[in-house]
């Protein structure tokens, strides 16, 4: 005959194991759900940036002979699995002139700068830069060189 105290002890141990299994299963999924999603705070075209990657001369119109244009993306909580791509196009000739992708090695918050440089200067015309987040188009910014 099995003693009541033995049954209580076995049931108590089984209950502890069950609770432990539930905690091991539930807590990681709760943590994953509580992680903040990446947030893009601002996307700015600029003639220049300062030492902290802040735009100093926001503009959509650039002078003839401009050799560099900066795209500043301010973001928070970008994960190592996220990526942002900037594709620069000369619309008058329908030519993609540059494409660069940023993949952080670890979680990143701050300003990332995409810089396009044409040593002989940008030709007159209409341009755009398209920004993609994880392969999905996020925004298109038109600009001119006059």
Foldseek 3Di string as FASTA:
>chain_A
DDDPVVVVVVVVVVVVVVVVVCCVVPVVVVVVVPQDDKDWDDKFKALDADPQRHHDGTDQEAEFQRFKIKIKIFMAFQALPKKKKKWKAQVVVRGTPDMDMDRDPGTDGGIDMDMGGDPRGDDFGKMKIWMDMRNHTDDIRIGTYD
